[in-house]
Amino acid sequence: MTDSADSPTFRLAYVPGVMPAKWVRVWSERHPDTPLTLLQTTAAEAPVLLRDGDADAGLVRLPVDRTVFSAIPLYTETTVVVVPKDHLVTAADEVSLDDLAEEVVLHPLDDVLGWDRPPGEPAFERPATTADAIELVAAGIGVLFVPQSLARLHHRRDLTYRPLTDAPRSGVALSWPEEATTDLVEDFIGIVRGRTVNSTRGRTKPEQADDKRGGKAGGKASAKSAGGKPTGGGTRSGGGTRSGGTRSGGAPRGRSGGGGRSGGSGRPRRRS
C-alpha cells in the first residue's frame, strides 16, 4: 500500500445522479485536517480520471475494468421511464417493456444502462446527452429509460416517471486504481461501509494506540490490591482484610485484636 501523507487533499470523483454528501460529512468529522475535494465527472470520463491519477477514488457506475480498478458495489438503482405528465403510462404505478413496445425510445450517447439497442422504436438520431434526451421527451419526441437518480436530477414540472419492472439496472460502486490503494482510500472505504472510527478493521491513529496501551496498563493496576497481589476468591484491603475470615491489623484469623477467640463470647478469658 502506498503512502498518501504528502497529498494535501483527498480527491473524490462522482458521476451524475450519485449523492456523496453523507460520506463527505463523515469524512470532514474524522479528517478535519485533510480536505475532501469533489470532482464531478461523466460516467465515461470517471475511469480516465482515476487511471491518470487525477482522483484518488470515485463513485462510479458499474461495470468497471477489474484488471485495473478495485471496486466495492454500494447499491443498485431502479430503472424508470421518463414520460410527459399526460402520457398514458402514468395511469399505472409501474410498467413493463412490453407496455412501451410501440413508443419511440430515446437512446443518448451517455446512456449508462448498457443497451446495445433499447426496446421500442428507435429515434431518428441519438441525443448527445441525457439532458438533451430529457428536452426531447418534454417536446413529445419519445420516452427515455434512465436510473431513477438521473430522472430526479433532470426533474421538470411537465415530466414524470414510472418504474420499469423488467429493465436492466445500474449499479453504483466506490472504485479506485488497484495499485494506488492509499491510507486515505482505506479510510474512505471504512466510511462508505459504515465502520465506526474505532473499528478494528480501520486504521488506528497513534493517539488511539497510546490510549489503548494506557487503558490496558490501568486495567492491570486495578486488578491488584494495595498489597500488590491480584484479587482471587476473596479481597484483601490494606494488606489485612480477607473474605472468608477477617484479619484486622495483621492479627491471626479467628482472634480479636485483644486476644479473644471468635466463636466464644468475645470477652477476654480471666485467669484464676
C-alpha atoms as a PDB file:
ATOM      1  CA  MET A   1       0.000   0.000   0.000  1.00  0.00           C
ATOM      2  CA  THR A   2       1.335   3.397  -0.964  1.00  0.00           C
ATOM      3  CA  ASP A   3       1.614   6.331   1.384  1.00  0.00           C
ATOM      4  CA  SER A   4      -0.657   9.331   0.776  1.00  0.00           C
ATOM      5  CA  ALA A   5       0.675  11.533   3.576  1.00  0.00           C
ATOM      6  CA  ASP A   6       2.086  14.036   1.073  1.00  0.00           C
ATOM      7  CA  SER A   7      -1.324  14.579  -0.562  1.00  0.00           C
ATOM      8  CA  PRO A   8      -2.939  17.789   0.748  1.00  0.00           C
ATOM      9  CA  THR A   9      -6.474  16.608  -0.048  1.00  0.00           C
ATOM     10  CA  PHE A  10      -8.484  13.503  -0.801  1.00  0.00           C
ATOM     11  CA  ARG A  11      -9.926  13.811  -4.311  1.00  0.00           C
ATOM     12  CA  LEU A  12     -13.238  12.050  -4.889  1.00  0.00           C
ATOM     13  CA  ALA A  13     -14.778  11.851  -8.349  1.00  0.00           C
ATOM     14  CA  TYR A  14     -18.500  11.209  -8.684  1.00  0.00           C
ATOM     15  CA  VAL A  15     -20.868  10.694 -11.603  1.00  0.00           C
ATOM     16  CA  PRO A  16     -24.283  12.340 -12.234  1.00  0.00           C
ATOM     17  CA  GLY A  17     -27.045  11.021 -10.013  1.00  0.00           C
ATOM     18  CA  VAL A  18     -24.744   9.975  -7.168  1.00  0.00           C
ATOM     19  CA  MET A  19     -25.102  11.983  -3.952  1.00  0.00           C
ATOM     20  CA  PRO A  20     -21.851  11.820  -1.920  1.00  0.00           C
ATOM     21  CA  ALA A  21     -22.896  14.375   0.739  1.00  0.00           C
ATOM     22  CA  LYS A  22     -23.419  11.926   3.627  1.00  0.00           C
ATOM     23  CA  TRP A  23     -19.959  10.379   3.179  1.00  0.00           C
ATOM     24  CA  VAL A  24     -18.310  13.771   2.741  1.00  0.00           C
ATOM     25  CA  ARG A  25     -19.853  14.905   6.042  1.00  0.00           C
ATOM     26  CA  VAL A  26     -18.422  11.906   7.911  1.00  0.00           C
ATOM     27  CA  TRP A  27     -15.029  12.482   6.268  1.00  0.00           C
ATOM     28  CA  SER A  28     -14.929  16.102   7.434  1.00  0.00           C
ATOM     29  CA  GLU A  29     -15.663  14.971  11.004  1.00  0.00           C
ATOM     30  CA  ARG A  30     -12.938  12.326  11.022  1.00  0.00           C
ATOM     31  CA  HIS A  31     -10.325  14.152   8.935  1.00  0.00           C
ATOM     32  CA  PRO A  32     -10.664  17.874   9.700  1.00  0.00           C
ATOM     33  CA  ASP A  33      -7.052  18.445   8.578  1.00  0.00           C
ATOM     34  CA  THR A  34      -7.452  16.633   5.232  1.00  0.00           C
ATOM     35  CA  PRO A  35      -9.992  18.394   2.988  1.00  0.00           C
ATOM     36  CA  LEU A  36     -12.024  16.291   0.578  1.00  0.00           C
ATOM     37  CA  THR A  37     -12.232  17.708  -2.944  1.00  0.00           C
ATOM     38  CA  LEU A  38     -15.244  16.670  -5.050  1.00  0.00           C
ATOM     39  CA  LEU A  39     -14.757  16.224  -8.787  1.00  0.00           C
ATOM     40  CA  GLN A  40     -17.974  15.915 -10.783  1.00  0.00           C
ATOM     41  CA  THR A  41     -17.461  13.943 -13.980  1.00  0.00           C
ATOM     42  CA  THR A  42     -19.354  11.873 -16.511  1.00  0.00           C
ATOM     43  CA  ALA A  43     -19.692   8.109 -16.284  1.00  0.00           C
ATOM     44  CA  ALA A  44     -17.411   7.715 -19.307  1.00  0.00           C
ATOM     45  CA  GLU A  45     -14.707  10.081 -18.020  1.00  0.00           C
ATOM     46  CA  ALA A  46     -14.546   8.753 -14.448  1.00  0.00           C
ATOM     47  CA  PRO A  47     -12.235   5.804 -15.261  1.00  0.00           C
ATOM     48  CA  VAL A  48      -9.889   8.177 -17.113  1.00  0.00           C
ATOM     49  CA  LEU A  49      -9.624  10.470 -14.068  1.00  0.00           C
ATOM     50  CA  LEU A  50      -8.806   7.520 -11.831  1.00  0.00           C
ATOM     51  CA  ARG A  51      -6.343   5.919 -14.237  1.00  0.00           C
ATOM     52  CA  ASP A  52      -4.468   9.208 -14.765  1.00  0.00           C
ATOM     53  CA  GLY A  53      -4.205   9.859 -11.027  1.00  0.00           C
ATOM     54  CA  ASP A  54      -6.392  12.969 -11.132  1.00  0.00           C
ATOM     55  CA  ALA A  55      -8.698  11.454  -8.488  1.00  0.00           C
ATOM     56  CA  ASP A  56      -7.914   9.162  -5.566  1.00  0.00           C
ATOM     57  CA  ALA A  57     -11.228   7.308  -5.739  1.00  0.00           C
ATOM     58  CA  GLY A  58     -14.570   7.631  -7.479  1.00  0.00           C
ATOM     59  CA  LEU A  59     -18.254   6.924  -7.022  1.00  0.00           C
ATOM     60  CA  VAL A  60     -18.865   5.381 -10.428  1.00  0.00           C
ATOM     61  CA  ARG A  61     -21.320   3.250 -12.331  1.00  0.00           C
ATOM     62  CA  LEU A  62     -20.671  -0.429 -12.868  1.00  0.00           C
ATOM     63  CA  PRO A  63     -19.153  -2.237 -14.594  1.00  0.00           C
ATOM     64  CA  VAL A  64     -15.501  -1.220 -14.166  1.00  0.00           C
ATOM     65  CA  ASP A  65     -12.350  -2.755 -15.614  1.00  0.00           C
ATOM     66  CA  ARG A  66     -11.351  -5.180 -12.838  1.00  0.00           C
ATOM     67  CA  THR A  67      -7.897  -5.661 -14.330  1.00  0.00           C
ATOM     68  CA  VAL A  68      -7.133  -2.051 -13.417  1.00  0.00           C
ATOM     69  CA  PHE A  69      -9.589  -0.988 -10.721  1.00  0.00           C
ATOM     70  CA  SER A  70     -10.792  -2.285  -7.390  1.00  0.00           C
ATOM     71  CA  ALA A  71     -14.476  -1.702  -6.717  1.00  0.00           C
ATOM     72  CA  ILE A  72     -16.923  -2.052  -3.842  1.00  0.00           C
ATOM     73  CA  PRO A  73     -20.556  -2.212  -5.050  1.00  0.00           C
ATOM     74  CA  LEU A  74     -22.723   0.145  -2.979  1.00  0.00           C
ATOM     75  CA  TYR A  75     -26.254  -0.120  -4.353  1.00  0.00           C
ATOM     76  CA  THR A  76     -28.318  -0.860  -7.473  1.00  0.00           C
ATOM     77  CA  GLU A  77     -30.803   1.656  -8.819  1.00  0.00           C
ATOM     78  CA  THR A  78     -34.312   1.148 -10.104  1.00  0.00           C
ATOM     79  CA  THR A  79     -34.680   1.901 -13.813  1.00  0.00           C
ATOM     80  CA  VAL A  80     -37.563   4.204 -14.773  1.00  0.00           C
ATOM     81  CA  VAL A  81     -39.175   5.526 -17.927  1.00  0.00           C
ATOM     82  CA  VAL A  82     -39.416   9.309 -18.197  1.00  0.00           C
ATOM     83  CA  VAL A  83     -42.588  10.493 -19.931  1.00  0.00           C
ATOM     84  CA  PRO A  84     -44.753  13.623 -20.229  1.00  0.00           C
ATOM     85  CA  LYS A  85     -47.197  14.035 -17.363  1.00  0.00           C
ATOM     86  CA  ASP A  86     -50.187  13.377 -19.635  1.00  0.00           C
ATOM     87  CA  HIS A  87     -48.768  10.109 -21.035  1.00  0.00           C
ATOM     88  CA  LEU A  88     -50.974   7.014 -20.845  1.00  0.00           C
ATOM     89  CA  VAL A  89     -48.486   5.009 -18.751  1.00  0.00           C
ATOM     90  CA  THR A  90     -48.896   7.445 -15.858  1.00  0.00           C
ATOM     91  CA  ALA A  91     -52.172   5.689 -15.052  1.00  0.00           C
ATOM     92  CA  ALA A  92     -50.114   2.735 -13.729  1.00  0.00           C
ATOM     93  CA  ASP A  93     -47.789   2.575 -10.729  1.00  0.00           C
ATOM     94  CA  GLU A  94     -45.180   0.640 -12.757  1.00  0.00           C
ATOM     95  CA  VAL A  95     -44.826  -0.567 -16.334  1.00  0.00           C
ATOM     96  CA  SER A  96     -43.037  -3.266 -18.331  1.00  0.00           C
ATOM     97  CA  LEU A  97     -41.027  -3.015 -21.523  1.00  0.00           C
ATOM     98  CA  ASP A  98     -43.887  -4.650 -23.410  1.00  0.00           C
ATOM     99  CA  ASP A  99     -46.119  -1.733 -22.408  1.00  0.00           C
ATOM    100  CA  LEU A 100     -43.715   0.574 -24.259  1.00  0.00           C
ATOM    101  CA  ALA A 101     -43.050  -1.582 -27.321  1.00  0.00           C
ATOM    102  CA  GLU A 102     -44.668   0.935 -29.683  1.00  0.00           C
ATOM    103  CA  GLU A 103     -43.073   4.023 -28.151  1.00  0.00           C
ATOM    104  CA  VAL A 104     -40.145   5.919 -29.655  1.00  0.00           C
ATOM    105  CA  VAL A 105     -37.338   5.314 -27.165  1.00  0.00           C
ATOM    106  CA  LEU A 106     -34.523   7.840 -26.972  1.00  0.00           C
ATOM    107  CA  HIS A 107     -31.012   6.402 -26.576  1.00  0.00           C
ATOM    108  CA  PRO A 108     -28.500   9.094 -25.540  1.00  0.00           C
ATOM    109  CA  LEU A 109     -24.807   8.610 -26.234  1.00  0.00           C
ATOM    110  CA  ASP A 110     -24.070   8.808 -22.500  1.00  0.00           C
ATOM    111  CA  ASP A 111     -26.520   6.005 -21.663  1.00  0.00           C
ATOM    112  CA  VAL A 112     -25.459   4.125 -18.507  1.00  0.00           C
ATOM    113  CA  LEU A 113     -27.768   1.108 -18.794  1.00  0.00           C
ATOM    114  CA  GLY A 114     -25.609  -0.689 -21.341  1.00  0.00           C
ATOM    115  CA  TRP A 115     -28.234  -1.096 -24.052  1.00  0.00           C
ATOM    116  CA  ASP A 116     -26.950  -2.089 -27.487  1.00  0.00           C
ATOM    117  CA  ARG A 117     -30.362  -1.011 -28.628  1.00  0.00           C
ATOM    118  CA  PRO A 118     -33.181  -0.345 -26.167  1.00  0.00           C
ATOM    119  CA  PRO A 119     -36.637  -1.853 -26.759  1.00  0.00           C
ATOM    120  CA  GLY A 120     -39.251   0.152 -28.582  1.00  0.00           C
ATOM    121  CA  GLU A 121     -38.975   2.163 -31.783  1.00  0.00           C
ATOM    122  CA  PRO A 122     -35.605   3.885 -32.288  1.00  0.00           C
ATOM    123  CA  ALA A 123     -35.474   7.652 -32.638  1.00  0.00           C
ATOM    124  CA  PHE A 124     -34.167   9.226 -35.854  1.00  0.00           C
ATOM    125  CA  GLU A 125     -30.859  10.006 -34.136  1.00  0.00           C
ATOM    126  CA  ARG A 126     -29.271   9.552 -30.737  1.00  0.00           C
ATOM    127  CA  PRO A 127     -29.178  12.586 -28.422  1.00  0.00           C
ATOM    128  CA  ALA A 128     -25.687  13.544 -27.277  1.00  0.00           C
ATOM    129  CA  THR A 129     -26.530  13.582 -23.569  1.00  0.00           C
ATOM    130  CA  THR A 130     -29.227  12.531 -21.129  1.00  0.00           C
ATOM    131  CA  ALA A 131     -30.035  16.223 -20.612  1.00  0.00           C
ATOM    132  CA  ASP A 132     -30.668  16.561 -24.361  1.00  0.00           C
ATOM    133  CA  ALA A 133     -32.888  13.473 -24.283  1.00  0.00           C
ATOM    134  CA  ILE A 134     -34.945  14.970 -21.446  1.00  0.00           C
ATOM    135  CA  GLU A 135     -35.609  18.016 -23.603  1.00  0.00           C
ATOM    136  CA  LEU A 136     -36.843  15.755 -26.409  1.00  0.00           C
ATOM    137  CA  VAL A 137     -39.161  13.904 -24.023  1.00  0.00           C
ATOM    138  CA  ALA A 138     -40.636  17.257 -22.985  1.00  0.00           C
ATOM    139  CA  ALA A 139     -41.143  18.072 -26.677  1.00  0.00           C
ATOM    140  CA  GLY A 140     -43.116  14.849 -27.163  1.00  0.00           C
ATOM    141  CA  ILE A 141     -40.486  13.181 -29.381  1.00  0.00           C
ATOM    142  CA  GLY A 142     -40.188   9.979 -27.336  1.00  0.00           C
ATOM    143  CA  VAL A 143     -39.613   8.404 -23.922  1.00  0.00           C
ATOM    144  CA  LEU A 144     -36.390   7.758 -22.028  1.00  0.00           C
ATOM    145  CA  PHE A 145     -35.069   4.903 -19.873  1.00  0.00           C
ATOM    146  CA  VAL A 146     -32.703   6.010 -17.078  1.00  0.00           C
ATOM    147  CA  PRO A 147     -31.728   5.135 -13.491  1.00  0.00           C
ATOM    148  CA  GLN A 148     -34.113   6.786 -11.048  1.00  0.00           C
ATOM    149  CA  SER A 149     -31.451   9.170  -9.711  1.00  0.00           C
ATOM    150  CA  LEU A 150     -30.991  10.655 -13.190  1.00  0.00           C
ATOM    151  CA  ALA A 151     -34.739  11.140 -13.564  1.00  0.00           C
ATOM    152  CA  ARG A 152     -34.658  13.074 -10.300  1.00  0.00           C
ATOM    153  CA  LEU A 153     -31.564  15.026 -11.316  1.00  0.00           C
ATOM    154  CA  HIS A 154     -33.256  16.213 -14.528  1.00  0.00           C
ATOM    155  CA  HIS A 155     -36.656  16.813 -12.943  1.00  0.00           C
ATOM    156  CA  ARG A 156     -39.094  19.039 -14.824  1.00  0.00           C
ATOM    157  CA  ARG A 157     -42.635  20.009 -13.863  1.00  0.00           C
ATOM    158  CA  ASP A 158     -44.016  18.830 -17.181  1.00  0.00           C
ATOM    159  CA  LEU A 159     -42.419  15.357 -16.905  1.00  0.00           C
ATOM    160  CA  THR A 160     -42.786  12.384 -14.607  1.00  0.00           C
ATOM    161  CA  TYR A 161     -41.516   8.803 -14.461  1.00  0.00           C
ATOM    162  CA  ARG A 162     -42.636   5.275 -13.637  1.00  0.00           C
ATOM    163  CA  PRO A 163     -40.543   2.262 -12.526  1.00  0.00           C
ATOM    164  CA  LEU A 164     -39.786  -0.399 -15.143  1.00  0.00           C
ATOM    165  CA  THR A 165     -40.286  -3.926 -13.855  1.00  0.00           C
ATOM    166  CA  ASP A 166     -38.059  -5.803 -16.321  1.00  0.00           C
ATOM    167  CA  ALA A 167     -35.321  -3.413 -17.482  1.00  0.00           C
ATOM    168  CA  PRO A 168     -31.610  -3.741 -16.712  1.00  0.00           C
ATOM    169  CA  ARG A 169     -30.437  -1.761 -13.682  1.00  0.00           C
ATOM    170  CA  SER A 170     -27.424   0.415 -12.986  1.00  0.00           C
ATOM    171  CA  GLY A 171     -25.122  -0.332 -10.047  1.00  0.00           C
ATOM    172  CA  VAL A 172     -23.046   2.283  -8.237  1.00  0.00           C
ATOM    173  CA  ALA A 173     -19.667   1.441  -6.708  1.00  0.00           C
ATOM    174  CA  LEU A 174     -16.701   3.005  -4.964  1.00  0.00           C
ATOM    175  CA  SER A 175     -13.720   2.410  -7.241  1.00  0.00           C
ATOM    176  CA  TRP A 176     -10.011   3.231  -7.261  1.00  0.00           C
ATOM    177  CA  PRO A 177      -6.853   2.070  -9.083  1.00  0.00           C
ATOM    178  CA  GLU A 178      -5.803  -1.218  -7.518  1.00  0.00           C
ATOM    179  CA  GLU A 179      -2.143  -0.191  -7.427  1.00  0.00           C
ATOM    180  CA  ALA A 180      -2.956   3.100  -5.665  1.00  0.00           C
ATOM    181  CA  THR A 181      -4.685   1.844  -2.527  1.00  0.00           C
ATOM    182  CA  THR A 182      -3.554   4.594  -0.158  1.00  0.00           C
ATOM    183  CA  ASP A 183      -4.268   5.020   3.543  1.00  0.00           C
ATOM    184  CA  LEU A 184      -6.792   7.735   2.716  1.00  0.00           C
ATOM    185  CA  VAL A 185      -8.574   5.401   0.300  1.00  0.00           C
ATOM    186  CA  GLU A 186      -8.743   2.786   3.068  1.00  0.00           C
ATOM    187  CA  ASP A 187     -10.254   5.391   5.381  1.00  0.00           C
ATOM    188  CA  PHE A 188     -12.915   6.316   2.828  1.00  0.00           C
ATOM    189  CA  ILE A 189     -13.710   2.626   2.288  1.00  0.00           C
ATOM    190  CA  GLY A 190     -14.374   2.395   6.006  1.00  0.00           C
ATOM    191  CA  ILE A 191     -16.741   5.350   5.817  1.00  0.00           C
ATOM    192  CA  VAL A 192     -18.846   4.037   2.924  1.00  0.00           C
ATOM    193  CA  ARG A 193     -19.026   0.640   4.620  1.00  0.00           C
ATOM    194  CA  GLY A 194     -20.309   2.240   7.794  1.00  0.00           C
ATOM    195  CA  ARG A 195     -17.377   1.388  10.028  1.00  0.00           C
ATOM    196  CA  THR A 196     -17.002   3.387  13.213  1.00  0.00           C
ATOM    197  CA  VAL A 197     -13.899   5.433  13.902  1.00  0.00           C
ATOM    198  CA  ASN A 198     -12.749   2.785  16.406  1.00  0.00           C
ATOM    199  CA  SER A 199     -13.370  -0.172  14.092  1.00  0.00           C
ATOM    200  CA  THR A 200     -10.658  -2.832  14.289  1.00  0.00           C
ATOM    201  CA  ARG A 201     -10.673  -3.008  10.507  1.00  0.00           C
ATOM    202  CA  GLY A 202      -9.911   0.683  10.138  1.00  0.00           C
ATOM    203  CA  ARG A 203      -6.569   2.382  10.656  1.00  0.00           C
ATOM    204  CA  THR A 204      -5.698   3.207  14.253  1.00  0.00           C
ATOM    205  CA  LYS A 205      -4.289   6.651  14.863  1.00  0.00           C
ATOM    206  CA  PRO A 206      -1.171   6.887  17.065  1.00  0.00           C
ATOM    207  CA  GLU A 207      -3.020   8.673  19.853  1.00  0.00           C
ATOM    208  CA  GLN A 208      -5.673   5.943  19.831  1.00  0.00           C
ATOM    209  CA  ALA A 209      -2.994   3.275  20.147  1.00  0.00           C
ATOM    210  CA  ASP A 210      -1.475   5.155  23.114  1.00  0.00           C
ATOM    211  CA  ASP A 211      -4.880   5.347  24.775  1.00  0.00           C
ATOM    212  CA  LYS A 212      -5.382   1.619  24.323  1.00  0.00           C
ATOM    213  CA  ARG A 213      -1.990   0.806  25.851  1.00  0.00           C
ATOM    214  CA  GLY A 214      -2.668   3.169  28.734  1.00  0.00           C
ATOM    215  CA  GLY A 215      -6.100   1.634  29.329  1.00  0.00           C
ATOM    216  CA  LYS A 216      -4.627  -1.866  29.414  1.00  0.00           C
ATOM    217  CA  ALA A 217      -1.953  -0.845  31.916  1.00  0.00           C
ATOM    218  CA  GLY A 218      -4.569   0.824  34.073  1.00  0.00           C
ATOM    219  CA  GLY A 219      -6.673  -2.331  33.952  1.00  0.00           C
ATOM    220  CA  LYS A 220      -3.807  -4.434  35.267  1.00  0.00           C
ATOM    221  CA  ALA A 221      -3.155  -1.985  38.057  1.00  0.00           C
ATOM    222  CA  SER A 222      -6.804  -2.008  39.126  1.00  0.00           C
ATOM    223  CA  ALA A 223      -6.764  -5.806  39.250  1.00  0.00           C
ATOM    224  CA  LYS A 224      -4.211  -5.686  42.102  1.00  0.00           C
ATOM    225  CA  SER A 225      -4.747  -4.734  45.695  1.00  0.00           C
ATOM    226  CA  ALA A 226      -2.596  -2.272  47.568  1.00  0.00           C
ATOM    227  CA  GLY A 227      -0.568  -5.253  48.759  1.00  0.00           C
ATOM    228  CA  GLY A 228       0.446  -5.979  45.143  1.00  0.00           C
ATOM    229  CA  LYS A 229      -1.345  -9.342  44.594  1.00  0.00           C
ATOM    230  CA  PRO A 230      -4.241  -9.894  42.187  1.00  0.00           C
ATOM    231  CA  THR A 231      -7.692 -10.483  43.580  1.00  0.00           C
ATOM    232  CA  GLY A 232      -8.936 -14.020  43.694  1.00  0.00           C
ATOM    233  CA  GLY A 233     -11.684 -15.741  45.659  1.00  0.00           C
ATOM    234  CA  GLY A 234     -11.550 -13.026  48.295  1.00  0.00           C
ATOM    235  CA  THR A 235     -10.340  -9.463  48.567  1.00  0.00           C
ATOM    236  CA  ARG A 236      -7.538  -8.121  50.683  1.00  0.00           C
ATOM    237  CA  SER A 237      -7.677  -4.452  51.598  1.00  0.00           C
ATOM    238  CA  GLY A 238      -4.751  -2.654  53.119  1.00  0.00           C
ATOM    239  CA  GLY A 239      -2.958  -5.980  53.451  1.00  0.00           C
ATOM    240  CA  GLY A 240      -5.315  -7.019  56.209  1.00  0.00           C
ATOM    241  CA  THR A 241      -8.915  -7.874  55.221  1.00  0.00           C
ATOM    242  CA  ARG A 242      -9.760 -11.190  53.579  1.00  0.00           C
ATOM    243  CA  SER A 243     -13.196 -12.565  52.756  1.00  0.00           C
ATOM    244  CA  GLY A 244     -13.993 -15.930  54.338  1.00  0.00           C
ATOM    245  CA  GLY A 245     -12.434 -14.782  57.612  1.00  0.00           C
ATOM    246  CA  THR A 246     -11.430 -11.366  58.841  1.00  0.00           C
ATOM    247  CA  ARG A 247      -7.968 -10.251  59.683  1.00  0.00           C
ATOM    248  CA  SER A 248      -7.612  -6.832  61.255  1.00  0.00           C
ATOM    249  CA  GLY A 249      -4.255  -5.196  61.743  1.00  0.00           C
ATOM    250  CA  GLY A 250      -2.489  -8.446  60.875  1.00  0.00           C
ATOM    251  CA  ALA A 251      -3.973 -10.453  63.785  1.00  0.00           C
ATOM    252  CA  PRO A 252      -4.409 -14.234  63.282  1.00  0.00           C
ATOM    253  CA  ARG A 253      -7.707 -15.368  61.728  1.00  0.00           C
ATOM    254  CA  GLY A 254     -10.384 -16.080  64.293  1.00  0.00           C
ATOM    255  CA  ARG A 255      -8.908 -13.907  67.070  1.00  0.00           C
ATOM    256  CA  SER A 256      -9.878 -10.421  68.068  1.00  0.00           C
ATOM    257  CA  GLY A 257      -7.272  -7.731  68.344  1.00  0.00           C
ATOM    258  CA  GLY A 258      -7.208  -8.115  72.137  1.00  0.00           C
ATOM    259  CA  GLY A 259      -6.585 -11.872  72.118  1.00  0.00           C
ATOM    260  CA  GLY A 260     -10.219 -13.072  72.312  1.00  0.00           C
ATOM    261  CA  ARG A 261     -11.320 -16.004  70.137  1.00  0.00           C
ATOM    262  CA  SER A 262     -14.171 -15.870  67.693  1.00  0.00           C
ATOM    263  CA  GLY A 263     -16.937 -18.379  68.354  1.00  0.00           C
ATOM    264  CA  GLY A 264     -16.937 -17.607  72.127  1.00  0.00           C
ATOM    265  CA  SER A 265     -18.397 -14.716  73.993  1.00  0.00           C
ATOM    266  CA  GLY A 266     -15.867 -12.382  72.533  1.00  0.00           C
ATOM    267  CA  ARG A 267     -14.662 -11.347  76.056  1.00  0.00           C
ATOM    268  CA  PRO A 268     -11.088 -11.988  77.341  1.00  0.00           C
ATOM    269  CA  ARG A 269     -10.647 -15.180  79.462  1.00  0.00           C
ATOM    270  CA  ARG A 270      -9.956 -14.469  83.121  1.00  0.00           C
ATOM    271  CA  ARG A 271      -7.051 -16.022  84.890  1.00  0.00           C
ATOM    272  CA  SER A 272      -7.668 -17.752  88.241  1.00  0.00           C
END
